[in-house]
Amino acid sequence: MKAALHAKIGSPLVIETGIEVSGPKEGQILIKTEYCGICHSDLSVMESLDLTPMILGHEAAGIVEAVGKDVASVSVGDSVLMSPIGPCGSCVMCENKRHTLCERGQSFVFGTFPDGTTPFSLNGSPVYQGLGVGGFAEYTVLEERNVVRIENGLPLETLCLLGCGVQTGLGSVLNTAKVTPGSTVLVMGLGGVGLSIVQGARIAQAEKIIASDPVEDRRSKATQLGATNTIDPTSSDLLGEIFELTDGAGVDFSFDAVGNSDLIAMGLAANKSGGLTVIVGAPPPEEELKLPSALHLMMTEKRLIGSLLGSCDAQKDIPAFVEYWKNGSLDLESMISHKYTLDEVNSGFDALKESSGVRSVIKIHEK
């Protein structure tokens, strides 16, 4: 089968037609991948992770081709969305509703199933499954816990975004931060995740949503999706404008959707006493935090927290997010700015590097 292969750090993906995919084992599902979004996490892997060869793409949707023994939640022909983290449901973290922290679920970072195997091979040698999905391939195999059935006939090219970027953004607002009605929210970075945070804040009935990004088109998109105010951080005093917009009070919640220590520090500075800063974007491994003094944090009770995949339980949250889309609360269509074929996947990454548009979606099969 055809797939886009991460073969060398810092290099474009390579289109390979000789990939083999195994049939589903017990508890696994073989999926014909139809569409897959391009996420910044894929680019980060391409630029920094020496775990090759690997099939990336983790924001995917498709149709069930076959199921392994004991799979009960889906059948052949079902439309499904895929999620990088599939919680086991029985460990301490899962029992405490911390599903994204499930040790078994986090095996996605190793490019294999929890038992160390991968469904992909090339010339008899294993090919890693990037970020738990391997969506830039015509077919993939996932464990049942990573697969969410949706109503047949819904547009997979749109709903695939729920697999990562939108799940992460909405979840960080609704699950991690638990934004409250009438609150004030700051969102820094307006890519797919940041714009999903904006929409999540609107859904949570925040009174003021301040959105910051250097790209004018993204600021305009944020206004369209619910931001009450936008700021260009390159041409203004960001912190000064935030305090001006909040009558000197600061914000209740701030979100870094980039993964930048300066923005995290900005969020803490912009918070009112008792405010919460959420790290949503993935910083480089070597990135160190720039914190205010310990005394300042103690006296103000400001809080800092991370959010992995929006603290979501995919089996519960993705269906809820589909309902937001169906009732018009969640706009996914306007977030898709580019569409490419699998052969054109590197053009999608070029657009991402240039901050062009918001989200690119790859059509995996040509017909």
Protein backbone atom coordinates (compact mmCIF):
# COMPACT_ATOMS: atom_id res chain seq x y z
CA MET A 1 0.00 0.00 0.00
CA LYS A 2 0.95 3.66 -0.27
CA ALA A 3 2.08 5.76 2.69
CA ALA A 4 4.04 8.92 3.42
CA LEU A 5 7.17 7.86 5.28
CA HIS A 6 9.27 9.83 7.76
CA ALA A 7 12.69 8.47 6.81
CA LYS A 8 15.19 11.10 8.00
CA ILE A 9 15.20 13.95 10.52
CA GLY A 10 14.69 17.32 8.88
CA SER A 11 13.73 15.86 5.50
CA PRO A 12 10.39 15.84 3.67
CA LEU A 13 8.21 12.77 3.86
CA VAL A 14 8.82 10.10 1.22
CA ILE A 15 5.95 8.50 -0.69
CA GLU A 16 6.43 4.73 -0.47
CA THR A 17 4.19 2.21 -2.24
CA GLY A 18 5.64 -0.99 -0.81
CA ILE A 19 4.35 -0.73 2.75
CA GLU A 20 2.64 -3.83 4.14
CA VAL A 21 -0.01 -3.71 6.87
CA SER A 22 -0.94 -6.66 9.06
CA GLY A 23 -4.46 -7.86 9.69
CA PRO A 24 -6.09 -6.98 13.01
CA LYS A 25 -5.18 -9.09 16.03
CA GLU A 26 -7.43 -9.63 19.02
CA GLY A 27 -8.91 -6.30 20.13
CA GLN A 28 -7.65 -4.49 17.02
CA ILE A 29 -9.34 -2.86 14.03
CA LEU A 30 -8.16 -2.54 10.42
CA ILE A 31 -9.24 0.83 9.01
CA LYS A 32 -9.22 2.23 5.49
CA THR A 33 -8.00 5.76 6.15
CA GLU A 34 -9.94 8.35 4.16
CA TYR A 35 -8.70 11.70 5.49
CA CYS A 36 -6.01 12.91 7.85
CA GLY A 37 -5.26 16.40 9.12
CA ILE A 38 -1.74 17.78 9.43
CA CYS A 39 -0.83 18.68 13.00
CA HIS A 40 2.18 20.61 14.28
CA SER A 41 3.12 17.56 16.35
CA ASP A 42 3.80 15.69 13.10
CA LEU A 43 6.19 18.45 12.05
CA SER A 44 7.91 18.37 15.44
CA VAL A 45 8.54 14.64 15.01
CA MET A 46 9.89 15.17 11.49
CA GLU A 47 12.32 17.80 12.74
CA SER A 48 13.53 16.18 15.94
CA LEU A 49 12.75 12.48 16.41
CA ASP A 50 15.26 9.92 15.17
CA LEU A 51 12.77 7.04 15.23
CA THR A 52 12.59 5.96 11.63
CA PRO A 53 11.12 4.80 9.37
CA MET A 54 7.76 6.02 10.67
CA ILE A 55 4.31 6.71 9.26
CA LEU A 56 3.00 9.93 10.77
CA GLY A 57 -0.49 11.47 10.74
CA HIS A 58 -2.70 11.15 13.81
CA GLU A 59 -5.77 13.29 13.07
CA ALA A 60 -7.52 10.68 10.97
CA ALA A 61 -10.90 9.32 9.94
CA GLY A 62 -11.85 6.27 7.91
CA ILE A 63 -13.98 3.18 7.37
CA VAL A 64 -13.65 -0.12 9.23
CA GLU A 65 -12.32 -2.86 6.92
CA ALA A 66 -11.95 -5.73 9.39
CA VAL A 67 -12.11 -6.37 13.12
CA GLY A 68 -10.15 -8.71 15.35
CA LYS A 69 -11.52 -11.10 17.93
CA ASP A 70 -13.57 -9.58 20.77
CA VAL A 71 -14.03 -6.17 19.13
CA ALA A 72 -17.56 -5.11 20.06
CA SER A 73 -17.88 -1.35 19.51
CA VAL A 74 -17.56 -1.23 15.70
CA SER A 75 -18.39 -3.38 12.69
CA VAL A 76 -17.12 -3.59 9.12
CA GLY A 77 -18.34 -0.57 7.16
CA ASP A 78 -18.63 1.77 10.15
CA SER A 79 -17.32 5.33 9.93
CA VAL A 80 -14.76 6.00 12.65
CA LEU A 81 -12.50 8.69 14.04
CA MET A 82 -9.08 7.83 15.47
CA SER A 83 -7.42 9.21 18.58
CA PRO A 84 -3.73 8.98 19.58
CA ILE A 85 -4.46 8.00 23.18
CA GLY A 86 -6.77 5.12 24.02
CA PRO A 87 -7.11 4.68 27.80
CA CYS A 88 -7.25 1.16 29.21
CA GLY A 89 -10.07 2.07 31.59
CA SER A 90 -8.77 0.05 34.52
CA CYS A 91 -5.50 1.58 35.78
CA VAL A 92 -5.25 4.07 38.65
CA MET A 93 -5.19 7.03 36.28
CA CYS A 94 -8.23 5.83 34.34
CA GLU A 95 -10.15 5.09 37.54
CA ASN A 96 -9.45 8.68 38.59
CA LYS A 97 -10.70 10.01 35.21
CA ARG A 98 -7.17 11.04 34.14
CA HIS A 99 -7.50 9.17 30.86
CA THR A 100 -4.72 10.86 28.91
CA LEU A 101 -2.26 9.86 31.64
CA CYS A 102 -3.00 6.15 31.23
CA GLU A 103 0.39 4.43 30.98
CA ARG A 104 -0.88 1.95 28.40
CA GLY A 105 -2.52 4.72 26.41
CA GLN A 106 0.68 6.72 26.29
CA SER A 107 2.50 3.96 24.42
CA PHE A 108 1.83 6.07 21.31
CA VAL A 109 5.01 8.04 21.98
CA PHE A 110 7.09 4.93 21.19
CA GLY A 111 5.58 4.35 17.75
CA THR A 112 4.35 0.87 18.65
CA PHE A 113 1.51 -0.96 20.33
CA PRO A 114 2.02 -1.53 24.08
CA ASP A 115 3.51 -4.95 23.30
CA GLY A 116 6.23 -3.33 21.17
CA THR A 117 4.86 -4.42 17.79
CA THR A 118 3.76 -2.30 14.85
CA PRO A 119 1.24 -3.10 12.10
CA PHE A 120 3.47 -1.71 9.35
CA SER A 121 6.51 -3.15 7.59
CA LEU A 122 8.70 -2.40 4.57
CA ASN A 123 10.77 -5.12 2.93
CA GLY A 124 10.27 -7.26 6.01
CA SER A 125 11.46 -4.63 8.50
CA PRO A 126 9.16 -2.86 10.99
CA VAL A 127 7.88 0.65 10.30
CA TYR A 128 6.92 2.71 13.35
CA GLN A 129 3.34 3.91 13.81
CA GLY A 130 3.68 7.63 14.44
CA LEU A 131 1.78 9.11 17.39
CA GLY A 132 -0.41 6.07 17.78
CA VAL A 133 -2.31 6.28 14.49
CA GLY A 134 -0.20 6.23 11.30
CA GLY A 135 -2.81 8.17 9.36
CA PHE A 136 -0.69 9.07 6.32
CA ALA A 137 -1.23 5.54 5.01
CA GLU A 138 -4.00 3.97 2.98
CA TYR A 139 -4.73 1.52 5.80
CA THR A 140 -3.88 1.39 9.48
CA VAL A 141 -4.53 -0.86 12.47
CA LEU A 142 -5.52 0.52 15.86
CA GLU A 143 -6.61 -0.96 19.15
CA GLU A 144 -10.34 -0.68 19.81
CA ARG A 145 -9.81 1.88 22.57
CA ASN A 146 -8.33 4.34 20.04
CA VAL A 147 -11.29 4.14 17.66
CA VAL A 148 -14.58 6.04 18.01
CA ARG A 149 -17.56 5.11 15.87
CA ILE A 150 -19.61 7.95 14.40
CA GLU A 151 -22.77 8.05 12.34
CA ASN A 152 -22.24 6.76 8.80
CA GLY A 153 -22.50 9.44 6.14
CA LEU A 154 -21.03 12.29 8.19
CA PRO A 155 -18.21 14.17 6.39
CA LEU A 156 -14.96 12.49 7.38
CA GLU A 157 -12.89 15.23 5.71
CA THR A 158 -14.33 17.64 8.30
CA LEU A 159 -14.66 15.51 11.40
CA CYS A 160 -11.12 14.11 11.18
CA LEU A 161 -10.03 17.34 12.92
CA LEU A 162 -11.59 16.02 16.12
CA GLY A 163 -8.85 13.39 16.35
CA CYS A 164 -6.26 15.78 17.75
CA GLY A 165 -6.32 19.55 17.22
CA VAL A 166 -9.94 20.22 18.06
CA GLN A 167 -10.03 17.54 20.76
CA THR A 168 -6.98 19.17 22.32
CA GLY A 169 -8.31 22.73 22.13
CA LEU A 170 -11.87 22.10 23.26
CA GLY A 171 -10.77 19.67 25.92
CA SER A 172 -8.23 22.08 27.40
CA VAL A 173 -11.07 24.55 27.98
CA LEU A 174 -13.86 22.21 29.04
CA ASN A 175 -11.89 19.46 30.84
CA THR A 176 -8.53 20.84 31.97
CA ALA A 177 -9.32 24.46 32.82
CA LYS A 178 -13.09 24.10 33.26
CA VAL A 179 -13.66 27.65 32.04
CA THR A 180 -16.68 29.20 33.74
CA PRO A 181 -19.50 31.36 32.31
CA GLY A 182 -18.75 35.08 32.49
CA SER A 183 -14.99 34.62 32.77
CA THR A 184 -12.20 36.30 30.82
CA VAL A 185 -9.95 34.16 28.62
CA LEU A 186 -6.64 34.83 26.83
CA VAL A 187 -5.60 32.59 23.91
CA MET A 188 -2.04 32.91 22.57
CA GLY A 189 -1.47 31.26 19.19
CA LEU A 190 -4.29 30.84 16.68
CA GLY A 191 -3.53 27.73 14.68
CA GLY A 192 -5.95 24.82 14.73
CA VAL A 193 -5.54 24.22 18.46
CA GLY A 194 -5.75 27.90 19.40
CA LEU A 195 -8.88 28.49 17.33
CA SER A 196 -10.41 25.42 18.95
CA ILE A 197 -9.64 26.98 22.34
CA VAL A 198 -11.43 30.14 21.19
CA GLN A 199 -14.46 28.07 20.23
CA GLY A 200 -14.31 26.14 23.48
CA ALA A 201 -14.28 29.39 25.45
CA ARG A 202 -17.32 30.58 23.52
CA ILE A 203 -19.11 27.28 24.15
CA ALA A 204 -18.22 27.63 27.86
CA GLN A 205 -19.85 31.10 27.78
CA ALA A 206 -16.76 33.13 28.61
CA GLU A 207 -17.65 36.82 28.56
CA LYS A 208 -14.40 38.12 27.07
CA ILE A 209 -12.13 36.10 24.78
CA ILE A 210 -8.85 37.83 23.89
CA ALA A 211 -6.98 36.16 21.02
CA SER A 212 -3.36 36.92 20.09
CA ASP A 213 -1.42 35.93 16.96
CA PRO A 214 0.96 37.76 14.59
CA VAL A 215 -0.93 36.52 11.48
CA GLU A 216 -3.78 38.85 10.50
CA ASP A 217 -5.85 36.17 8.77
CA ARG A 218 -5.79 34.04 11.89
CA ARG A 219 -6.90 36.96 14.05
CA SER A 220 -9.80 37.54 11.65
CA LYS A 221 -10.69 33.86 11.85
CA ALA A 222 -10.62 34.05 15.64
CA THR A 223 -13.13 36.91 15.55
CA GLN A 224 -15.35 34.85 13.25
CA LEU A 225 -15.19 31.91 15.67
CA GLY A 226 -15.95 33.83 18.85
CA ALA A 227 -13.07 36.05 20.00
CA THR A 228 -14.28 39.37 21.38
CA ASN A 229 -10.88 41.06 20.99
CA THR A 230 -7.71 40.31 19.02
CA ILE A 231 -4.15 41.53 19.46
CA ASP A 232 -1.14 41.54 17.13
CA PRO A 233 1.71 40.78 19.57
CA THR A 234 4.34 42.05 17.13
CA SER A 235 3.00 45.60 16.91
CA SER A 236 1.77 46.30 20.40
CA ASP A 237 2.46 45.89 24.09
CA LEU A 238 0.64 42.58 24.53
CA LEU A 239 0.52 42.65 28.32
CA GLY A 240 -0.46 46.32 28.35
CA GLU A 241 -3.32 45.71 25.92
CA ILE A 242 -4.57 42.76 27.94
CA PHE A 243 -4.78 44.87 31.08
CA GLU A 244 -6.40 47.70 29.14
CA LEU A 245 -9.05 45.33 27.78
CA THR A 246 -9.73 43.97 31.27
CA ASP A 247 -9.78 47.35 33.05
CA GLY A 248 -6.54 46.49 34.79
CA ALA A 249 -7.82 43.25 36.31
CA GLY A 250 -6.15 40.66 34.09
CA VAL A 251 -7.69 37.41 32.87
CA ASP A 252 -9.17 34.41 34.64
CA PHE A 253 -7.71 31.86 32.22
CA SER A 254 -4.77 32.02 29.81
CA PHE A 255 -3.84 29.39 27.24
CA ASP A 256 -0.52 28.92 25.45
CA ALA A 257 -1.36 27.12 22.21
CA VAL A 258 2.18 27.41 20.83
CA GLY A 259 4.46 25.73 23.35
CA ASN A 260 6.66 28.75 24.05
CA SER A 261 8.12 29.59 27.46
CA ASP A 262 7.84 33.34 26.85
CA LEU A 263 4.12 32.98 26.15
CA ILE A 264 3.65 30.80 29.22
CA ALA A 265 5.31 33.52 31.31
CA MET A 266 3.10 36.10 29.58
CA GLY A 267 0.03 34.10 30.51
CA LEU A 268 1.03 34.01 34.16
CA ALA A 269 1.70 37.76 34.11
CA ALA A 270 -1.67 38.43 32.48
CA ASN A 271 -3.61 36.37 35.01
CA LYS A 272 -5.48 38.03 37.82
CA SER A 273 -4.87 36.62 41.30
CA GLY A 274 -6.14 33.06 41.39
CA GLY A 275 -5.96 32.83 37.60
CA LEU A 276 -5.00 29.69 35.70
CA THR A 277 -2.47 29.32 32.87
CA VAL A 278 -2.75 26.20 30.71
CA ILE A 279 0.13 24.84 28.61
CA VAL A 280 -1.56 23.32 25.55
CA GLY A 281 1.07 23.64 22.82
CA ALA A 282 3.94 21.15 22.96
CA PRO A 283 7.24 22.91 23.80
CA PRO A 284 10.60 21.54 22.62
CA PRO A 285 12.05 19.01 25.11
CA GLU A 286 14.79 21.42 26.18
CA GLU A 287 12.43 24.37 26.75
CA GLU A 288 12.67 25.68 30.33
CA LEU A 289 9.95 27.66 32.07
CA LYS A 290 10.47 31.29 33.02
CA LEU A 291 8.51 31.59 36.23
CA PRO A 292 7.85 34.58 38.46
CA SER A 293 9.15 34.40 42.01
CA ALA A 294 7.86 31.69 44.29
CA LEU A 295 6.65 34.39 46.67
CA HIS A 296 4.58 35.98 43.88
CA LEU A 297 2.91 32.67 43.08
CA MET A 298 2.25 32.01 46.74
CA MET A 299 0.77 35.44 47.40
CA THR A 300 -1.38 35.53 44.25
CA GLU A 301 -2.36 31.84 44.15
CA LYS A 302 -1.82 31.85 40.39
CA ARG A 303 -1.82 28.36 38.92
CA LEU A 304 0.00 26.66 36.04
CA ILE A 305 -1.10 23.35 34.54
CA GLY A 306 -0.39 21.21 31.48
CA SER A 307 -3.04 19.76 29.20
CA LEU A 308 -2.35 16.62 27.14
CA LEU A 309 -4.87 16.01 24.35
CA GLY A 310 -7.32 18.22 26.21
CA SER A 311 -7.49 15.81 29.18
CA CYS A 312 -10.02 13.95 27.03
CA ASP A 313 -11.54 10.52 27.17
CA ALA A 314 -11.99 10.04 23.42
CA GLN A 315 -14.87 7.58 23.79
CA LYS A 316 -16.87 10.13 25.76
CA ASP A 317 -15.64 13.48 24.50
CA ILE A 318 -15.42 12.94 20.74
CA PRO A 319 -19.14 12.03 20.47
CA ALA A 320 -19.95 15.14 22.53
CA PHE A 321 -17.83 17.28 20.20
CA VAL A 322 -19.59 15.77 17.18
CA GLU A 323 -22.87 16.92 18.73
CA TYR A 324 -21.47 20.45 19.14
CA TRP A 325 -20.68 20.37 15.42
CA LYS A 326 -24.11 18.99 14.49
CA ASN A 327 -25.97 21.67 16.46
CA GLY A 328 -23.86 24.48 15.04
CA SER A 329 -21.90 25.33 18.19
CA LEU A 330 -18.60 24.11 16.71
CA ASP A 331 -17.41 25.35 13.31
CA LEU A 332 -14.98 22.89 11.75
CA GLU A 333 -15.45 23.72 8.09
CA SER A 334 -13.97 27.21 8.27
CA MET A 335 -10.85 25.87 10.00
CA ILE A 336 -9.88 23.82 6.94
CA SER A 337 -7.83 26.11 4.72
CA HIS A 338 -5.98 23.63 2.48
CA LYS A 339 -6.76 20.21 0.98
CA TYR A 340 -4.12 17.95 -0.58
CA THR A 341 -3.72 14.43 -1.89
CA LEU A 342 -1.35 12.01 -0.16
CA ASP A 343 1.21 12.64 -2.92
CA GLU A 344 1.04 16.36 -2.04
CA VAL A 345 1.48 15.89 1.71
CA ASN A 346 4.74 17.86 1.82
CA SER A 347 2.93 20.89 0.39
CA GLY A 348 0.73 20.73 3.46
CA PHE A 349 3.77 20.80 5.72
CA ASP A 350 5.15 23.76 3.74
CA ALA A 351 1.90 25.63 4.45
CA LEU A 352 2.24 24.77 8.14
CA LYS A 353 5.81 26.06 8.29
CA GLU A 354 4.72 29.30 6.60
CA SER A 355 1.74 29.75 8.97
CA SER A 356 -0.46 29.74 5.88
CA GLY A 357 -4.10 29.16 6.71
CA VAL A 358 -5.23 27.12 9.69
CA ARG A 359 -5.50 23.39 8.97
CA SER A 360 -4.55 21.20 6.01
CA VAL A 361 -6.40 17.95 5.36
CA ILE A 362 -4.95 15.10 3.31
CA LYS A 363 -7.21 12.94 1.11
CA ILE A 364 -5.54 9.56 1.43
CA HIS A 365 -7.08 7.68 -1.51
CA GLU A 366 -7.14 9.26 -4.96
CA LYS A 367 -10.51 7.74 -5.88
